Amino acid sequence: MKLYALEAQRGFAVLIVVLYHMYAAQDKYFTYNIFPDILALGAWGVDIFFVISGSVMYRSAFHTDRPISSWHFLKKRIARIYPAYWLITLLVYIVYIIRPELVNSSYDRTPSIVKSVLLYPDFSHPWLNVGWSLVYEMWFYLLLSGLLFLKKQVAILMLGLYAIILAVLGDTSWSRPELKLVFDPIILEFLFGLVLGAIAFNFQRRRRAVMLILFAAIGALGFYSFSSDIYSELFSGKDRFLTFGTLALVAVSISLLFEHYISLHSFLNPIILLGKISYSLYLTHVVSLSFFFKCISSLPIGSEHIIIYNTLCLIFIVLVGWIYYIAIEQPLSSKLNRLITRSSPS
């Protein structure tokens, strides 16, 4: 069953992330910012991705007619994440070698290229800045692949215990990036996504609606309780989960609640299409944005020009993401999945 609600939610999530980075780039390239300040919260799109990832992985790991091997599960995730990511990382690294001042000038430390390629936790973000979220994704996939060695009931119990540990140790300062990753409360977003996936795939329509409304209400209450200073800082850890994470829980719950209506209305096709190419768009958008603004840096910059430039930039970013999806991500993913299927025991 294809969940158009989650596809549409991905489209919304990647759009607000793109707009967030466009908002953040205005002061660097223009004399003033034309975007509303609410776009400063656009980083919330990443949290939506995390909750969606948990929902989708529930189906892949636990809602199957036959047992799935740990290695087969992990190979499919590797084929999905790494190849398209590697190509953009290589591009960023080449630009750094040629023009180091153009790449990650805000970083305090030079990233390790090996750790960046592997999406291994480090003291800094990877060479491709947005890769930080993929480090969390890969840890979640590794966690699930390890749990697939266990019976389903035991695996779910272990995930519940892990959630409790994350809630208890969430404010602990870890000296090692590996420990910071493993015990980061942001992982709770994936785990709540698993719960939403279990609801979406295991319950009939009426009971599913009641439970999704309940989770949306819990998320809304959490966000209302902890969001008073949401503009004051960039959240991380438990603060991020209690604000952006709870709001992401609301968004995904509501999307799943209206799945039937979303799949029937063609006017949502553009946002569903954005969801389809969301991974390519997410990987390429910062590079596309920087390239576009560098290219127009010598042109006249009046108020009317800024609006036109940003409109053209958004179109350019989406176009590059779509081309990357058609030319790179989709062919690579299809070919690798065929190889994985062929090499798997029947």
Protein backbone atom coordinates (compact mmCIF):
# COMPACT_ATOMS: atom_id res chain seq x y z
CA MET A 1 0.00 0.00 0.00
CA LYS A 2 1.43 3.36 -1.05
CA LEU A 3 0.75 6.09 1.49
CA TYR A 4 0.25 9.29 -0.51
CA ALA A 5 -0.13 11.14 2.79
CA LEU A 6 3.48 10.45 3.70
CA GLU A 7 4.63 11.35 0.19
CA ALA A 8 2.78 14.67 0.42
CA GLN A 9 4.22 15.23 3.90
CA ARG A 10 7.72 14.62 2.54
CA GLY A 11 7.03 17.21 -0.14
CA PHE A 12 5.94 19.74 2.48
CA ALA A 13 8.94 18.91 4.68
CA VAL A 14 11.54 19.37 1.94
CA LEU A 15 9.86 22.59 0.78
CA ILE A 16 10.08 24.24 4.21
CA VAL A 17 13.70 23.09 4.59
CA VAL A 18 14.55 24.68 1.23
CA LEU A 19 12.75 27.90 2.20
CA TYR A 20 14.53 27.88 5.56
CA HIS A 21 17.93 27.80 3.87
CA MET A 22 16.84 30.49 1.41
CA TYR A 23 15.72 32.61 4.37
CA ALA A 24 19.07 32.05 6.11
CA ALA A 25 21.00 33.04 2.95
CA GLN A 26 19.31 36.42 2.44
CA ASP A 27 21.58 38.44 4.73
CA LYS A 28 24.65 36.97 3.03
CA TYR A 29 23.62 37.81 -0.52
CA PHE A 30 21.17 40.73 -0.24
CA THR A 31 20.70 43.96 1.68
CA TYR A 32 17.61 42.77 3.54
CA ASN A 33 15.47 39.67 4.04
CA ILE A 34 12.19 39.46 2.11
CA PHE A 35 11.07 36.26 3.83
CA PRO A 36 8.84 36.20 6.94
CA ASP A 37 10.59 35.25 10.17
CA ILE A 38 8.44 32.16 10.60
CA LEU A 39 10.64 30.50 7.98
CA ALA A 40 13.39 30.51 10.62
CA LEU A 41 11.51 27.48 11.94
CA GLY A 42 11.80 25.65 8.61
CA ALA A 43 14.42 23.30 10.04
CA TRP A 44 11.35 21.56 11.46
CA GLY A 45 11.11 19.78 8.09
CA VAL A 46 13.98 17.51 9.11
CA ASP A 47 12.03 16.36 12.17
CA ILE A 48 9.07 15.56 9.93
CA PHE A 49 11.43 13.42 7.83
CA PHE A 50 12.54 11.55 10.96
CA VAL A 51 8.97 10.76 12.04
CA ILE A 52 8.07 9.69 8.48
CA SER A 53 11.16 7.49 8.36
CA GLY A 54 10.05 5.70 11.51
CA SER A 55 6.56 5.16 10.06
CA VAL A 56 7.88 3.76 6.78
CA MET A 57 10.48 1.56 8.49
CA TYR A 58 7.79 -0.06 10.60
CA ARG A 59 6.32 -1.49 7.41
CA SER A 60 9.72 -2.50 6.03
CA ALA A 61 11.01 -4.13 9.21
CA PHE A 62 7.96 -5.46 11.05
CA HIS A 63 4.85 -5.39 8.86
CA THR A 64 5.86 -8.13 6.42
CA ASP A 65 4.30 -11.42 5.39
CA ARG A 66 7.59 -13.24 5.73
CA PRO A 67 10.67 -12.69 7.91
CA ILE A 68 13.22 -10.27 6.50
CA SER A 69 16.91 -10.82 7.05
CA SER A 70 18.93 -8.18 8.84
CA TRP A 71 21.49 -7.99 6.05
CA HIS A 72 18.87 -7.71 3.30
CA PHE A 73 17.16 -4.88 5.18
CA LEU A 74 20.43 -3.03 5.68
CA LYS A 75 21.55 -3.48 2.06
CA LYS A 76 18.35 -1.84 0.84
CA ARG A 77 18.84 1.11 3.16
CA ILE A 78 22.48 1.48 2.08
CA ALA A 79 21.44 1.40 -1.58
CA ARG A 80 18.82 4.05 -0.86
CA ILE A 81 21.02 6.48 1.09
CA TYR A 82 24.68 6.25 0.12
CA PRO A 83 25.17 6.40 -3.69
CA ALA A 84 23.20 9.61 -4.32
CA TYR A 85 24.76 11.16 -1.22
CA TRP A 86 28.31 10.22 -2.23
CA LEU A 87 28.12 12.02 -5.57
CA ILE A 88 27.08 15.33 -3.99
CA THR A 89 29.70 14.92 -1.25
CA LEU A 90 32.37 14.35 -3.90
CA LEU A 91 31.27 17.52 -5.70
CA VAL A 92 31.48 19.56 -2.49
CA TYR A 93 34.92 18.13 -1.69
CA ILE A 94 36.25 18.93 -5.18
CA VAL A 95 34.99 22.52 -4.86
CA TYR A 96 36.77 22.72 -1.49
CA ILE A 97 40.07 21.59 -3.02
CA ILE A 98 39.77 24.23 -5.76
CA ARG A 99 38.13 27.07 -3.79
CA PRO A 100 38.18 26.25 -0.05
CA GLU A 101 36.62 29.60 0.89
CA LEU A 102 33.39 28.59 -0.85
CA VAL A 103 32.71 25.51 1.28
CA ASN A 104 31.45 25.34 4.87
CA SER A 105 33.04 28.61 5.98
CA SER A 106 31.02 28.51 9.21
CA TYR A 107 32.55 25.21 10.37
CA ASP A 108 34.84 25.33 13.43
CA ARG A 109 36.59 22.10 12.40
CA THR A 110 37.47 20.60 9.05
CA PRO A 111 35.31 17.48 8.64
CA SER A 112 36.85 14.06 8.16
CA ILE A 113 36.23 12.97 4.57
CA VAL A 114 36.20 9.29 5.62
CA LYS A 115 33.62 9.86 8.34
CA SER A 116 31.59 12.06 6.01
CA VAL A 117 31.52 9.36 3.33
CA LEU A 118 30.53 6.71 5.87
CA LEU A 119 28.02 9.00 7.64
CA TYR A 120 29.88 8.20 10.84
CA PRO A 121 29.30 10.60 13.77
CA ASP A 122 31.98 13.27 14.07
CA PHE A 123 32.65 16.47 16.02
CA SER A 124 31.49 18.49 13.02
CA HIS A 125 28.82 18.07 10.36
CA PRO A 126 29.80 16.12 7.20
CA TRP A 127 31.24 17.88 4.15
CA LEU A 128 27.73 18.04 2.73
CA ASN A 129 26.13 20.01 5.55
CA VAL A 130 22.68 18.44 5.31
CA GLY A 131 24.34 15.04 5.75
CA TRP A 132 24.08 15.52 9.53
CA SER A 133 20.50 14.23 9.39
CA LEU A 134 21.59 11.18 7.37
CA VAL A 135 23.95 10.25 10.21
CA TYR A 136 20.84 9.89 12.39
CA GLU A 137 19.02 7.99 9.64
CA MET A 138 21.83 5.47 9.28
CA TRP A 139 22.02 4.90 13.03
CA PHE A 140 18.28 4.22 13.07
CA TYR A 141 18.65 1.75 10.19
CA LEU A 142 21.56 0.00 11.92
CA LEU A 143 19.50 -0.23 15.10
CA LEU A 144 16.55 -1.83 13.28
CA SER A 145 18.77 -4.21 11.34
CA GLY A 146 20.27 -5.43 14.62
CA LEU A 147 16.83 -5.92 16.15
CA LEU A 148 15.73 -8.03 13.19
CA PHE A 149 17.79 -10.87 14.67
CA LEU A 150 15.24 -10.97 17.50
CA LYS A 151 11.59 -11.99 17.59
CA LYS A 152 9.23 -9.14 16.76
CA GLN A 153 7.83 -8.89 20.29
CA VAL A 154 11.33 -8.79 21.82
CA ALA A 155 12.49 -6.19 19.28
CA ILE A 156 9.53 -3.94 20.10
CA LEU A 157 10.24 -4.33 23.83
CA MET A 158 13.88 -3.33 23.24
CA LEU A 159 12.76 -0.25 21.30
CA GLY A 160 10.49 0.71 24.20
CA LEU A 161 13.36 0.39 26.67
CA TYR A 162 15.56 2.44 24.35
CA ALA A 163 12.92 5.19 24.29
CA ILE A 164 12.89 5.27 28.11
CA ILE A 165 16.69 5.52 28.20
CA LEU A 166 16.62 8.39 25.69
CA ALA A 167 14.06 10.23 27.80
CA VAL A 168 16.07 9.74 31.01
CA LEU A 169 19.56 10.48 29.63
CA GLY A 170 18.50 13.17 27.18
CA ASP A 171 20.24 16.08 28.95
CA THR A 172 23.53 14.26 29.48
CA SER A 173 26.61 15.83 27.87
CA TRP A 174 28.64 13.25 25.98
CA SER A 175 32.29 13.80 25.09
CA ARG A 176 32.22 11.34 22.19
CA PRO A 177 30.09 12.03 19.08
CA GLU A 178 29.16 8.33 18.92
CA LEU A 179 27.58 8.46 22.37
CA LYS A 180 25.93 11.78 21.62
CA LEU A 181 24.29 10.20 18.58
CA VAL A 182 23.16 6.99 20.28
CA PHE A 183 21.63 8.81 23.26
CA ASP A 184 20.30 11.89 21.47
CA PRO A 185 16.57 12.38 22.27
CA ILE A 186 16.02 13.29 18.61
CA ILE A 187 16.00 9.51 18.03
CA LEU A 188 12.63 9.56 19.82
CA GLU A 189 11.20 11.10 16.64
CA PHE A 190 12.01 7.90 14.74
CA LEU A 191 10.56 5.77 17.53
CA PHE A 192 7.31 7.72 17.64
CA GLY A 193 7.23 7.33 13.87
CA LEU A 194 7.37 3.56 14.37
CA VAL A 195 4.31 3.83 16.61
CA LEU A 196 2.45 5.84 13.97
CA GLY A 197 3.42 3.24 11.38
CA ALA A 198 2.06 0.47 13.58
CA ILE A 199 -1.22 2.37 13.91
CA ALA A 200 -1.46 3.08 10.17
CA PHE A 201 -0.79 -0.49 9.08
CA ASN A 202 -2.42 -2.56 11.83
CA PHE A 203 -5.77 -0.95 12.65
CA GLN A 204 -9.03 -0.54 10.81
CA ARG A 205 -10.14 2.90 9.72
CA ARG A 206 -12.23 3.99 12.72
CA ARG A 207 -9.85 2.76 15.41
CA ARG A 208 -6.90 4.11 13.42
CA ALA A 209 -8.56 7.55 13.27
CA VAL A 210 -9.15 7.62 17.04
CA MET A 211 -5.53 6.69 17.80
CA LEU A 212 -4.09 9.17 15.30
CA ILE A 213 -6.22 11.97 16.76
CA LEU A 214 -4.95 10.99 20.21
CA PHE A 215 -1.31 11.15 19.09
CA ALA A 216 -1.91 14.46 17.30
CA ALA A 217 -3.39 15.84 20.53
CA ILE A 218 -0.44 14.59 22.59
CA GLY A 219 1.98 16.17 20.13
CA ALA A 220 0.06 19.46 20.11
CA LEU A 221 0.02 19.54 23.92
CA GLY A 222 3.76 18.89 24.02
CA PHE A 223 4.50 21.61 21.50
CA TYR A 224 2.22 24.10 23.30
CA SER A 225 3.95 23.37 26.61
CA PHE A 226 7.53 23.84 25.42
CA SER A 227 7.45 26.24 22.47
CA SER A 228 7.31 29.62 24.25
CA ASP A 229 10.92 30.50 23.33
CA ILE A 230 11.07 28.69 20.01
CA TYR A 231 12.55 31.69 18.19
CA SER A 232 15.28 32.25 20.75
CA GLU A 233 17.76 29.57 19.67
CA LEU A 234 18.43 26.65 17.41
CA PHE A 235 17.24 23.68 19.41
CA SER A 236 19.02 20.37 19.74
CA GLY A 237 18.59 17.20 21.77
CA LYS A 238 15.64 17.08 24.16
CA ASP A 239 14.64 20.70 23.47
CA ARG A 240 14.37 19.95 19.78
CA PHE A 241 12.31 16.83 20.38
CA LEU A 242 9.94 18.68 22.73
CA THR A 243 9.33 21.42 20.14
CA PHE A 244 9.99 20.43 16.55
CA GLY A 245 9.63 16.72 17.34
CA THR A 246 6.20 17.03 18.92
CA LEU A 247 5.05 19.32 16.13
CA ALA A 248 6.28 16.78 13.57
CA LEU A 249 4.25 14.14 15.40
CA VAL A 250 1.16 16.33 14.94
CA ALA A 251 1.86 16.87 11.24
CA VAL A 252 2.42 13.19 10.39
CA SER A 253 -0.54 12.03 12.51
CA ILE A 254 -2.87 14.44 10.71
CA SER A 255 -1.50 13.41 7.31
CA LEU A 256 -2.16 9.74 8.05
CA LEU A 257 -5.59 10.62 9.39
CA PHE A 258 -6.54 12.16 6.03
CA GLU A 259 -4.77 9.58 3.86
CA HIS A 260 -7.98 8.63 2.04
CA TYR A 261 -8.73 12.23 1.08
CA ILE A 262 -5.14 13.05 0.09
CA SER A 263 -4.98 10.13 -2.34
CA LEU A 264 -8.23 11.25 -4.03
CA HIS A 265 -7.47 14.93 -4.68
CA SER A 266 -5.34 15.66 -7.74
CA PHE A 267 -4.63 19.25 -6.67
CA LEU A 268 -2.13 17.78 -4.19
CA ASN A 269 -0.16 16.10 -6.99
CA PRO A 270 2.52 18.85 -7.11
CA ILE A 271 3.34 18.43 -3.41
CA ILE A 272 3.25 14.64 -3.81
CA LEU A 273 5.70 15.00 -6.70
CA LEU A 274 7.98 17.06 -4.46
CA GLY A 275 7.76 14.22 -1.96
CA LYS A 276 8.78 11.74 -4.63
CA ILE A 277 11.97 13.68 -5.41
CA SER A 278 12.46 14.90 -1.84
CA TYR A 279 15.70 12.99 -1.18
CA SER A 280 17.40 14.33 -4.32
CA LEU A 281 16.04 17.79 -3.60
CA TYR A 282 17.27 17.63 -0.02
CA LEU A 283 20.76 16.54 -1.10
CA THR A 284 21.18 19.13 -3.84
CA HIS A 285 19.35 22.21 -2.60
CA VAL A 286 22.12 23.89 -0.59
CA VAL A 287 24.61 23.45 -3.45
CA SER A 288 22.04 24.71 -5.97
CA LEU A 289 21.15 27.68 -3.78
CA SER A 290 24.78 28.72 -3.30
CA PHE A 291 25.57 28.29 -7.00
CA PHE A 292 22.57 30.36 -8.09
CA PHE A 293 23.21 33.24 -5.69
CA LYS A 294 26.92 33.31 -6.59
CA CYS A 295 25.98 33.55 -10.28
CA ILE A 296 23.69 36.56 -9.76
CA SER A 297 25.92 38.33 -7.23
CA SER A 298 27.09 40.91 -9.82
CA LEU A 299 23.57 41.79 -11.03
CA PRO A 300 21.53 44.81 -9.82
CA ILE A 301 19.95 44.29 -6.40
CA GLY A 302 16.83 46.36 -5.80
CA SER A 303 13.73 45.31 -3.88
CA GLU A 304 11.98 44.13 -7.03
CA HIS A 305 15.12 42.27 -8.13
CA ILE A 306 15.36 40.36 -4.83
CA ILE A 307 11.84 38.98 -5.23
CA ILE A 308 12.56 37.90 -8.81
CA TYR A 309 15.93 36.36 -7.91
CA ASN A 310 14.47 34.33 -5.06
CA THR A 311 11.60 33.10 -7.21
CA LEU A 312 14.03 32.02 -9.93
CA CYS A 313 16.28 30.45 -7.31
CA LEU A 314 13.45 28.34 -5.92
CA ILE A 315 12.54 27.18 -9.44
CA PHE A 316 16.20 26.40 -10.14
CA ILE A 317 16.57 24.41 -6.90
CA VAL A 318 13.50 22.28 -7.64
CA LEU A 319 14.60 21.75 -11.24
CA VAL A 320 18.08 20.59 -10.20
CA GLY A 321 16.55 18.23 -7.61
CA TRP A 322 14.19 16.80 -10.21
CA ILE A 323 16.99 16.28 -12.75
CA TYR A 324 19.16 14.65 -10.09
CA TYR A 325 16.31 12.31 -9.20
CA ILE A 326 15.69 11.35 -12.84
CA ALA A 327 19.32 11.08 -13.88
CA ILE A 328 21.06 9.84 -10.72
CA GLU A 329 18.96 8.72 -7.76
CA GLN A 330 16.25 6.72 -9.52
CA PRO A 331 18.53 4.77 -11.94
CA LEU A 332 21.09 4.04 -9.21
CA SER A 333 18.44 2.94 -6.74
CA SER A 334 16.66 0.72 -9.28
CA LYS A 335 19.88 -0.94 -10.42
CA LEU A 336 21.12 -1.57 -6.89
CA ASN A 337 17.75 -2.95 -5.77
CA ARG A 338 17.79 -5.38 -8.69
CA LEU A 339 21.26 -6.53 -7.67
CA ILE A 340 20.15 -6.92 -4.05
CA THR A 341 17.06 -8.92 -5.06
CA ARG A 342 19.12 -11.13 -7.38
CA SER A 343 21.74 -11.83 -4.72
CA SER A 344 19.20 -12.58 -1.98
CA PRO A 345 18.26 -16.19 -1.31
CA SER A 346 14.72 -17.05 -2.46
